[in-house]
C-alpha atoms as a PDB file:
ATOM      1  CA  MET A   1      -3.844 -17.973  -6.905  1.00  0.00           C
ATOM      2  CA  ARG A   2      -0.629 -16.355  -8.078  1.00  0.00           C
ATOM      3  CA  ASP A   3       2.216 -15.857  -5.610  1.00  0.00           C
ATOM      4  CA  THR A   4       2.180 -12.067  -6.081  1.00  0.00           C
ATOM      5  CA  GLN A   5      -1.535 -11.924  -5.252  1.00  0.00           C
ATOM      6  CA  ARG A   6      -0.926 -13.978  -2.107  1.00  0.00           C
ATOM      7  CA  LYS A   7       1.850 -11.599  -0.990  1.00  0.00           C
ATOM      8  CA  GLY A   8      -0.464  -8.641  -1.610  1.00  0.00           C
ATOM      9  CA  ASP A   9      -3.202 -10.299   0.441  1.00  0.00           C
ATOM     10  CA  ILE A  10      -0.749 -10.884   3.288  1.00  0.00           C
ATOM     11  CA  ALA A  11       0.381  -7.241   3.166  1.00  0.00           C
ATOM     12  CA  VAL A  12      -3.225  -6.007   3.347  1.00  0.00           C
ATOM     13  CA  ALA A  13      -3.949  -8.314   6.306  1.00  0.00           C
ATOM     14  CA  VAL A  14      -0.834  -7.139   8.184  1.00  0.00           C
ATOM     15  CA  ALA A  15      -1.685  -3.492   7.425  1.00  0.00           C
ATOM     16  CA  ILE A  16      -5.199  -3.962   8.805  1.00  0.00           C
ATOM     17  CA  ALA A  17      -3.810  -5.590  11.962  1.00  0.00           C
ATOM     18  CA  SER A  18      -1.173  -2.873  12.451  1.00  0.00           C
ATOM     19  CA  PHE A  19      -3.567   0.038  11.946  1.00  0.00           C
ATOM     20  CA  THR A  20      -6.116  -1.645  14.223  1.00  0.00           C
ATOM     21  CA  LYS A  21      -3.455  -2.037  16.956  1.00  0.00           C
ATOM     22  CA  LEU A  22      -2.851   1.715  16.656  1.00  0.00           C
ATOM     23  CA  GLY A  23      -6.539   2.283  17.467  1.00  0.00           C
ATOM     24  CA  TYR A  24      -7.583   3.255  13.950  1.00  0.00           C
ATOM     25  CA  ASP A  25     -10.802   2.121  12.288  1.00  0.00           C
ATOM     26  CA  ILE A  26     -10.424   0.370   8.924  1.00  0.00           C
ATOM     27  CA  SER A  27     -12.763   0.172   5.934  1.00  0.00           C
ATOM     28  CA  LEU A  28     -12.304  -1.878   2.783  1.00  0.00           C
ATOM     29  CA  PRO A  29     -13.434  -0.829  -0.693  1.00  0.00           C
ATOM     30  CA  ILE A  30     -15.987  -3.167  -2.225  1.00  0.00           C
ATOM     31  CA  THR A  31     -14.531  -2.975  -5.736  1.00  0.00           C
ATOM     32  CA  GLU A  32     -11.213  -4.296  -7.039  1.00  0.00           C
ATOM     33  CA  SER A  33     -10.838  -1.305  -9.357  1.00  0.00           C
ATOM     34  CA  ALA A  34     -10.047   1.250  -6.628  1.00  0.00           C
ATOM     35  CA  ALA A  35      -6.503   2.679  -6.659  1.00  0.00           C
ATOM     36  CA  TYR A  36      -6.279   2.004  -2.920  1.00  0.00           C
ATOM     37  CA  ASP A  37      -6.650  -1.112  -0.788  1.00  0.00           C
ATOM     38  CA  LEU A  38      -8.159   0.205   2.428  1.00  0.00           C
ATOM     39  CA  VAL A  39      -9.326   3.335   4.207  1.00  0.00           C
ATOM     40  CA  VAL A  40      -7.925   4.318   7.601  1.00  0.00           C
ATOM     41  CA  ASP A  41      -9.792   6.570  10.030  1.00  0.00           C
ATOM     42  CA  ASP A  42      -7.224   7.981  12.470  1.00  0.00           C
ATOM     43  CA  GLN A  43      -9.732  10.323  14.188  1.00  0.00           C
ATOM     44  CA  ARG A  44      -8.193  13.240  12.234  1.00  0.00           C
ATOM     45  CA  GLY A  45      -9.642  12.123   8.928  1.00  0.00           C
ATOM     46  CA  LEU A  46     -10.108   9.344   6.407  1.00  0.00           C
ATOM     47  CA  HIS A  47      -7.015   8.247   4.459  1.00  0.00           C
ATOM     48  CA  ARG A  48      -7.028   6.068   1.339  1.00  0.00           C
ATOM     49  CA  VAL A  49      -4.151   3.602   1.650  1.00  0.00           C
ATOM     50  CA  GLN A  50      -2.328   1.789  -1.152  1.00  0.00           C
ATOM     51  CA  VAL A  51      -0.647  -1.374   0.187  1.00  0.00           C
ATOM     52  CA  ARG A  52       2.509  -2.889  -1.311  1.00  0.00           C
ATOM     53  CA  PHE A  53       4.693  -5.899  -0.509  1.00  0.00           C
ATOM     54  CA  THR A  54       8.345  -6.238  -1.422  1.00  0.00           C
ATOM     55  CA  SER A  55      11.052  -8.848  -1.015  1.00  0.00           C
ATOM     56  CA  GLY A  56      13.763  -6.491  -2.226  1.00  0.00           C
ATOM     57  CA  ILE A  57      15.119  -3.024  -1.645  1.00  0.00           C
ATOM     58  CA  GLU A  58      12.805  -1.228  -4.072  1.00  0.00           C
ATOM     59  CA  VAL A  59       9.023  -1.244  -4.148  1.00  0.00           C
ATOM     60  CA  ASP A  60       7.365  -1.242  -7.566  1.00  0.00           C
ATOM     61  CA  LEU A  61       4.654   1.440  -7.604  1.00  0.00           C
ATOM     62  CA  ARG A  62       3.177   0.608 -10.996  1.00  0.00           C
ATOM     63  CA  ARG A  63      -0.178  -1.126 -11.362  1.00  0.00           C
ATOM     64  CA  ILE A  64       0.131  -4.189 -13.559  1.00  0.00           C
ATOM     65  CA  HIS A  65      -2.726  -6.344 -14.800  1.00  0.00           C
ATOM     66  CA  SER A  66      -3.477  -8.422 -17.848  1.00  0.00           C
ATOM     67  CA  ASN A  67      -6.251  -8.341 -20.395  1.00  0.00           C
ATOM     68  CA  SER A  68      -6.925 -10.042 -23.734  1.00  0.00           C
ATOM     69  CA  LYS A  69      -4.107  -8.071 -25.380  1.00  0.00           C
ATOM     70  CA  GLY A  70      -1.455  -8.874 -22.734  1.00  0.00           C
ATOM     71  CA  TYR A  71      -0.069  -6.992 -19.764  1.00  0.00           C
ATOM     72  CA  VAL A  72      -1.092  -3.425 -19.001  1.00  0.00           C
ATOM     73  CA  VAL A  73       1.329  -1.325 -16.941  1.00  0.00           C
ATOM     74  CA  ARG A  74       0.251   2.002 -15.444  1.00  0.00           C
ATOM     75  CA  LYS A  75       1.935   4.487 -13.163  1.00  0.00           C
ATOM     76  CA  THR A  76      -0.013   5.893 -10.245  1.00  0.00           C
ATOM     77  CA  LYS A  77      -2.187   8.861 -11.078  1.00  0.00           C
ATOM     78  CA  GLU A  78      -2.100  12.082  -9.085  1.00  0.00           C
ATOM     79  CA  LYS A  79      -4.105  11.897  -5.816  1.00  0.00           C
ATOM     80  CA  ALA A  80      -4.958   8.207  -6.378  1.00  0.00           C
ATOM     81  CA  TYR A  81      -4.362   7.490  -2.688  1.00  0.00           C
ATOM     82  CA  ASP A  82      -3.316   9.402   0.462  1.00  0.00           C
ATOM     83  CA  TRP A  83      -0.901   7.024   2.205  1.00  0.00           C
ATOM     84  CA  LEU A  84       1.411   4.277   0.963  1.00  0.00           C
ATOM     85  CA  TYR A  85       1.907   1.311   3.315  1.00  0.00           C
ATOM     86  CA  ILE A  86       4.772  -1.071   2.533  1.00  0.00           C
ATOM     87  CA  LEU A  87       5.397  -4.493   4.058  1.00  0.00           C
ATOM     88  CA  LYS A  88       8.831  -5.990   3.463  1.00  0.00           C
ATOM     89  CA  SER A  89       9.480  -9.728   3.559  1.00  0.00           C
ATOM     90  CA  ASN A  90      11.469  -9.264   6.806  1.00  0.00           C
ATOM     91  CA  SER A  91       8.237  -7.878   8.398  1.00  0.00           C
ATOM     92  CA  ASP A  92       9.391  -4.242   8.423  1.00  0.00           C
ATOM     93  CA  GLU A  93       6.455  -1.894   7.889  1.00  0.00           C
ATOM     94  CA  TYR A  94       6.716   1.535   6.281  1.00  0.00           C
ATOM     95  CA  LEU A  95       4.203   4.363   5.939  1.00  0.00           C
ATOM     96  CA  ILE A  96       4.573   7.233   3.501  1.00  0.00           C
ATOM     97  CA  LYS A  97       1.905   9.860   4.004  1.00  0.00           C
ATOM     98  CA  GLN A  98       1.686  11.057   0.418  1.00  0.00           C
ATOM     99  CA  CYS A  99       0.746   9.810  -3.022  1.00  0.00           C
ATOM    100  CA  LEU A 100       3.807   8.919  -5.092  1.00  0.00           C
ATOM    101  CA  ASP A 101       2.310   9.569  -8.513  1.00  0.00           C
ATOM    102  CA  ASN A 102       4.140   9.103 -11.821  1.00  0.00           C
ATOM    103  CA  ARG A 103       6.964   7.140 -10.199  1.00  0.00           C
ATOM    104  CA  ARG A 104       8.125   3.648 -11.062  1.00  0.00           C
ATOM    105  CA  SER A 105       9.502   2.673  -7.647  1.00  0.00           C
ATOM    106  CA  ILE A 106      10.694   3.803  -4.218  1.00  0.00           C
ATOM    107  CA  ARG A 107      13.321   2.684  -1.715  1.00  0.00           C
ATOM    108  CA  PRO A 108      11.810   3.136   1.753  1.00  0.00           C
ATOM    109  CA  ASN A 109      14.150   4.274   4.528  1.00  0.00           C
ATOM    110  CA  THR A 110      14.169   4.034   8.317  1.00  0.00           C
ATOM    111  CA  THR A 111      12.542   7.450   8.794  1.00  0.00           C
ATOM    112  CA  GLN A 112       9.502   5.986   7.036  1.00  0.00           C
ATOM    113  CA  LEU A 113       9.196   2.938   9.328  1.00  0.00           C
ATOM    114  CA  LEU A 114       5.625   2.719  10.626  1.00  0.00           C
ATOM    115  CA  GLN A 115       6.637   3.134  14.274  1.00  0.00           C
ATOM    116  CA  ASN A 116       8.597   6.299  13.403  1.00  0.00           C
ATOM    117  CA  VAL A 117       5.771   7.875  11.377  1.00  0.00           C
ATOM    118  CA  VAL A 118       2.769   7.388  13.677  1.00  0.00           C
ATOM    119  CA  GLN A 119       3.017   8.982  17.086  1.00  0.00           C
END
């Protein structure tokens, strides 16, 4: 397994644990082709969540995969997900409650820390 896939798996596992601790119910899509990694039910509604991991300051928002012709890079489409969860290598967690479509990257800030966003 590639290192980037492992980091993504860790981020999804931490996101599930964090949302569960908040009392939310979690569902996982069956397919790998979904533009989101999990669904969170916060008793106000269902939210499709894209999960990202980063070791740096910026988080790459593009979807990158390979096929027989090489790498394919795509920006996020409009309304592809509802929330963006970010896990940094220092264990900081961020939640952005919107879809960041047509962007290459984002630099999360302290106002977007998970504990500051969910009340």
